[in-house]
Amino acid sequence: MDLAYDGRELHGFADQPGHPTVAGLLRSSLATVLRLAEPPLLTVAGRTDAGVHALGQVCHLDLPVGLLDDPDGVTRRLNGLLAGRVVVRALTPVDDDFHARFSAIWRSYRYLVVASEHPALALTRDVAWVVRGPLDGEAMNEGFAAVLGEHDFRAFCKRPPHSTPDDPLRRHLYQARWRAIEDTAVLTAAGDQLWRCDITANAFCHNMVRSLVATAVAVGQGRLAPGVFSERLESHVRDHLPALAPASGLTLVKVGYPGDLPPGVGV
């Protein structure tokens, strides 16, 4: 199941009793459309936090034979119930050995930042982080050069439950770059900058993208030096790094599976 969703007012992907979530909306809609006695279990490529959006999320579920004879019809009925909060882009039969999470070999995220000297519309804050500008993109990319490749990202991640400060969190980053983009959606005012961060890795630990983005913005504002990234990768110390960038600027763009090259690799 290929998915997109609007993270506003949703408490992340995973089920949370009493709160609207992506999984909760999907499971109840699937039970209604397919007339299931119980909502089906969903396995997702990567859970997203409250407020995070997605354009290319992937999950899988097991269904009795014959229930998906008309995938296009089921997709239309699901999207009618979901009313745009979640969009099912495709339902595709897969082999028994496919696993949405464990078969995935990379994930790609996008983060939007508006650098401005003025207050922003609520609409803008729903999809981007509005910060004091201007930002030095060259300095931000200089800092990000240090995180490419395989490293221990303990300094930029929330420690998993039952782990210790000495447990490494190794991840391989294929892409991490900033670029100023044209504001075709008209989210900014005259004189503002719209920055896009594209970041791709084999996997991400909790809060990793939002921590890296917040640190890069501090570099772009001149509050930290670009060398902070290499220093923290060596020291593994998170203390006194900037607070996390808001979830609203973050979007899961694509999940790669065997045969899919990560962005920027092999080009």
Protein backbone atom coordinates (compact mmCIF):
# COMPACT_ATOMS: atom_id res chain seq x y z
CA MET A 1 0.00 0.00 0.00
CA ASP A 2 1.56 3.30 -1.18
CA LEU A 3 0.41 6.22 0.97
CA ALA A 4 0.51 9.97 1.36
CA TYR A 5 -0.83 11.88 4.35
CA ASP A 6 -1.26 15.30 5.89
CA GLY A 7 0.37 15.14 9.31
CA ARG A 8 -1.51 18.12 10.73
CA GLU A 9 -3.72 17.11 13.67
CA LEU A 10 -2.57 13.49 13.39
CA HIS A 11 -0.60 11.92 16.24
CA GLY A 12 1.87 10.13 14.00
CA PHE A 13 1.55 6.82 12.17
CA ALA A 14 1.20 4.25 14.95
CA ASP A 15 -2.08 3.49 16.72
CA GLN A 16 -2.74 5.55 19.84
CA PRO A 17 -6.05 4.93 21.63
CA GLY A 18 -8.08 8.13 21.84
CA HIS A 19 -6.02 9.99 19.24
CA PRO A 20 -6.31 10.17 15.43
CA THR A 21 -3.36 8.48 13.72
CA VAL A 22 -2.54 7.37 10.19
CA ALA A 23 -2.76 3.68 11.12
CA GLY A 24 -5.99 4.22 13.05
CA LEU A 25 -7.71 5.95 10.13
CA LEU A 26 -6.45 3.37 7.63
CA ARG A 27 -7.36 0.32 9.70
CA SER A 28 -10.91 1.48 10.41
CA SER A 29 -11.44 2.45 6.76
CA LEU A 30 -10.10 -0.91 5.54
CA ALA A 31 -12.41 -2.76 7.93
CA THR A 32 -15.40 -0.80 6.63
CA VAL A 33 -14.62 -1.09 2.91
CA LEU A 34 -13.61 -4.76 3.02
CA ARG A 35 -16.27 -5.71 5.63
CA LEU A 36 -13.73 -7.23 7.98
CA ALA A 37 -14.67 -8.39 11.46
CA GLU A 38 -11.53 -6.74 12.87
CA PRO A 39 -9.33 -3.94 11.50
CA PRO A 40 -6.27 -5.51 9.83
CA LEU A 41 -2.76 -5.15 11.18
CA LEU A 42 -0.43 -2.83 9.24
CA THR A 43 3.36 -3.03 8.95
CA VAL A 44 4.94 0.27 7.92
CA ALA A 45 8.30 1.08 6.33
CA GLY A 46 9.03 3.67 9.01
CA ARG A 47 6.86 5.24 11.70
CA THR A 48 6.53 9.00 11.51
CA ASP A 49 5.97 11.31 14.48
CA ALA A 50 3.00 13.57 15.15
CA GLY A 51 2.82 16.38 12.61
CA VAL A 52 5.14 14.76 10.03
CA HIS A 53 3.78 14.48 6.48
CA ALA A 54 4.33 11.80 3.83
CA LEU A 55 4.22 11.61 0.05
CA GLY A 56 5.76 8.15 -0.35
CA GLN A 57 5.07 6.01 2.73
CA VAL A 58 4.73 2.24 2.28
CA CYS A 59 2.99 -0.37 4.43
CA HIS A 60 1.82 -3.92 3.95
CA LEU A 61 -1.04 -6.02 5.27
CA ASP A 62 -2.26 -9.60 4.88
CA LEU A 63 -5.76 -10.17 3.48
CA PRO A 64 -7.84 -13.29 2.76
CA VAL A 65 -7.67 -14.47 -0.85
CA GLY A 66 -10.27 -12.80 -3.06
CA LEU A 67 -10.79 -9.62 -1.02
CA LEU A 68 -8.63 -7.53 -3.35
CA ASP A 69 -9.96 -8.63 -6.73
CA ASP A 70 -10.74 -4.97 -7.55
CA PRO A 71 -7.82 -2.94 -6.12
CA ASP A 72 -8.81 0.23 -8.00
CA GLY A 73 -12.35 0.08 -6.65
CA VAL A 74 -11.12 -0.55 -3.11
CA THR A 75 -8.69 2.38 -3.45
CA ARG A 76 -11.49 4.73 -4.54
CA ARG A 77 -13.75 3.71 -1.65
CA LEU A 78 -10.91 4.02 0.87
CA ASN A 79 -10.00 7.51 -0.33
CA GLY A 80 -13.64 8.55 -0.12
CA LEU A 81 -13.72 7.59 3.56
CA LEU A 82 -10.29 9.04 4.35
CA ALA A 83 -11.30 12.43 2.88
CA GLY A 84 -7.79 13.63 2.09
CA ARG A 85 -6.22 13.22 5.53
CA VAL A 86 -4.64 10.04 4.19
CA VAL A 87 -4.47 9.16 0.48
CA VAL A 88 -4.02 5.60 -0.76
CA ARG A 89 -2.07 5.98 -4.00
CA ALA A 90 -1.86 2.30 -4.91
CA LEU A 91 -2.75 -1.17 -3.65
CA THR A 92 -0.40 -3.76 -5.12
CA PRO A 93 -0.21 -7.54 -4.52
CA VAL A 94 3.27 -8.60 -3.37
CA ASP A 95 5.11 -11.86 -2.73
CA ASP A 96 4.98 -13.49 0.69
CA ASP A 97 8.60 -12.54 1.38
CA PHE A 98 7.97 -8.78 0.97
CA HIS A 99 8.17 -6.79 4.21
CA ALA A 100 7.44 -3.05 4.15
CA ARG A 101 10.03 -2.32 6.84
CA PHE A 102 12.71 -5.01 6.56
CA SER A 103 12.77 -5.15 2.75
CA ALA A 104 13.35 -1.38 2.56
CA ILE A 105 16.96 -0.38 1.83
CA TRP A 106 16.68 3.42 2.11
CA ARG A 107 14.34 6.24 3.10
CA SER A 108 14.35 9.78 1.73
CA TYR A 109 13.01 12.85 3.57
CA ARG A 110 12.53 16.50 2.65
CA TYR A 111 12.59 19.40 5.09
CA LEU A 112 11.43 22.95 4.22
CA VAL A 113 12.72 26.06 5.97
CA VAL A 114 11.56 29.64 5.38
CA ALA A 115 14.14 32.24 6.40
CA SER A 116 12.33 35.51 7.07
CA GLU A 117 12.39 38.70 9.09
CA HIS A 118 8.58 38.80 9.28
CA PRO A 119 5.83 36.78 10.99
CA ALA A 120 4.55 33.89 8.86
CA LEU A 121 1.07 32.76 7.92
CA ALA A 122 -0.23 29.74 9.81
CA LEU A 123 -0.47 28.04 6.40
CA THR A 124 3.29 28.42 5.96
CA ARG A 125 4.04 27.05 9.44
CA ASP A 126 1.97 23.95 8.62
CA VAL A 127 4.50 22.81 6.01
CA ALA A 128 7.76 24.62 6.85
CA TRP A 129 9.85 25.87 9.75
CA VAL A 130 10.01 29.66 9.80
CA VAL A 131 13.34 30.93 11.17
CA ARG A 132 15.18 34.21 11.40
CA GLY A 133 17.09 34.80 8.19
CA PRO A 134 18.96 35.02 6.00
CA LEU A 135 20.71 31.64 6.08
CA ASP A 136 24.18 30.81 4.76
CA GLY A 137 23.55 27.76 2.57
CA GLU A 138 27.24 27.27 1.83
CA ALA A 139 28.00 26.92 5.55
CA MET A 140 25.09 24.52 6.06
CA ASN A 141 26.28 22.28 3.22
CA GLU A 142 29.86 22.47 4.50
CA GLY A 143 28.64 21.11 7.81
CA PHE A 144 26.50 18.42 6.20
CA ALA A 145 29.50 17.12 4.22
CA ALA A 146 30.72 15.55 7.47
CA VAL A 147 27.60 13.40 7.94
CA LEU A 148 27.71 11.69 4.53
CA GLY A 149 28.65 8.02 4.63
CA GLU A 150 28.40 5.68 7.61
CA HIS A 151 28.68 7.15 11.11
CA ASP A 152 27.52 6.69 14.68
CA PHE A 153 24.71 9.27 15.05
CA ARG A 154 24.18 8.98 18.81
CA ALA A 155 24.63 12.74 19.25
CA PHE A 156 21.75 13.44 16.87
CA CYS A 157 19.23 10.79 17.98
CA LYS A 158 16.90 10.06 20.83
CA ARG A 159 18.25 7.00 22.59
CA PRO A 160 16.08 3.88 22.03
CA PRO A 161 14.42 2.27 25.06
CA HIS A 162 16.56 -0.21 26.97
CA SER A 163 19.79 1.10 25.38
CA THR A 164 22.77 2.69 27.11
CA PRO A 165 24.81 5.80 26.21
CA ASP A 166 27.56 3.47 24.96
CA ASP A 167 25.36 1.70 22.41
CA PRO A 168 26.18 2.97 18.88
CA LEU A 169 23.50 4.12 16.44
CA ARG A 170 25.18 3.58 13.08
CA ARG A 171 23.45 4.78 9.92
CA HIS A 172 24.62 5.37 6.33
CA LEU A 173 23.68 8.71 4.76
CA TYR A 174 23.63 8.70 0.97
CA GLN A 175 22.48 12.29 0.55
CA ALA A 176 22.34 15.40 2.77
CA ARG A 177 22.17 18.77 1.07
CA TRP A 178 20.56 22.19 1.22
CA ARG A 179 19.43 24.32 -1.71
CA ALA A 180 17.44 27.51 -2.11
CA ILE A 181 14.34 26.86 -4.21
CA GLU A 182 11.77 28.95 -6.02
CA ASP A 183 8.59 29.48 -4.00
CA THR A 184 6.05 28.30 -6.56
CA ALA A 185 3.45 27.70 -3.83
CA VAL A 186 3.70 31.35 -2.67
CA LEU A 187 4.40 30.49 0.98
CA THR A 188 6.84 33.36 1.49
CA ALA A 189 6.87 37.15 1.28
CA ALA A 190 9.20 39.35 -0.74
CA GLY A 191 12.77 39.08 0.53
CA ASP A 192 12.24 35.70 2.24
CA GLN A 193 14.30 32.60 1.43
CA LEU A 194 12.82 29.13 0.93
CA TRP A 195 15.31 26.35 1.64
CA ARG A 196 14.90 22.65 0.91
CA CYS A 197 16.90 19.97 2.69
CA ASP A 198 17.02 16.53 1.04
CA ILE A 199 18.34 13.73 3.20
CA THR A 200 18.50 10.00 2.42
CA ALA A 201 19.82 7.12 4.52
CA ASN A 202 19.54 3.37 4.83
CA ALA A 203 17.53 4.09 7.99
CA PHE A 204 17.04 6.87 10.53
CA CYS A 205 17.03 6.74 14.30
CA HIS A 206 14.41 8.65 16.30
CA ASN A 207 14.51 12.45 15.80
CA MET A 208 17.65 12.21 13.65
CA VAL A 209 16.48 14.34 10.71
CA ARG A 210 14.96 17.05 12.90
CA SER A 211 18.13 17.24 15.01
CA LEU A 212 20.41 17.46 11.96
CA VAL A 213 18.19 20.17 10.42
CA ALA A 214 18.08 22.24 13.62
CA THR A 215 21.87 22.08 13.93
CA ALA A 216 22.32 23.06 10.28
CA VAL A 217 20.00 26.06 10.68
CA ALA A 218 22.06 27.22 13.67
CA VAL A 219 25.13 26.96 11.44
CA GLY A 220 23.36 28.92 8.70
CA GLN A 221 22.50 31.65 11.20
CA GLY A 222 26.11 31.83 12.36
CA ARG A 223 25.33 30.56 15.88
CA LEU A 224 27.40 27.39 15.39
CA ALA A 225 30.42 26.61 13.21
CA PRO A 226 30.14 23.99 10.40
CA GLY A 227 32.63 21.82 12.30
CA VAL A 228 29.99 21.07 14.96
CA PHE A 229 28.85 18.06 12.92
CA SER A 230 32.22 16.33 12.79
CA GLU A 231 32.87 17.21 16.44
CA ARG A 232 29.63 15.63 17.64
CA LEU A 233 30.01 12.56 15.44
CA GLU A 234 33.33 11.94 17.20
CA SER A 235 32.24 12.83 20.73
CA HIS A 236 28.74 11.24 20.59
CA VAL A 237 27.57 14.02 22.95
CA ARG A 238 24.18 15.65 22.33
CA ASP A 239 24.29 18.20 25.19
CA HIS A 240 23.68 21.85 24.24
CA LEU A 241 22.74 21.16 20.63
CA PRO A 242 19.73 23.16 19.37
CA ALA A 243 16.20 21.96 20.13
CA LEU A 244 14.61 19.77 17.47
CA ALA A 245 13.27 21.40 14.33
CA PRO A 246 9.44 21.30 14.28
CA ALA A 247 7.76 18.21 12.84
CA SER A 248 5.62 20.28 10.46
CA GLY A 249 8.51 20.95 8.05
CA LEU A 250 9.31 17.25 7.58
CA THR A 251 7.96 15.00 4.81
CA LEU A 252 8.76 11.36 4.03
CA VAL A 253 9.24 11.51 0.25
CA LYS A 254 10.14 7.96 -0.80
CA VAL A 255 11.07 4.50 0.46
CA GLY A 256 13.52 2.48 -1.65
CA TYR A 257 13.50 -1.29 -2.13
CA PRO A 258 15.98 -3.64 -3.84
CA GLY A 259 16.63 -2.34 -7.33
CA ASP A 260 15.95 1.30 -6.37
CA LEU A 261 19.04 3.52 -6.33
CA PRO A 262 19.15 6.17 -3.59
CA PRO A 263 18.94 9.77 -4.88
CA GLY A 264 22.30 10.95 -6.19
CA VAL A 265 23.82 7.46 -6.30
CA GLY A 266 24.87 6.08 -9.69
CA VAL A 267 23.95 9.30 -11.52
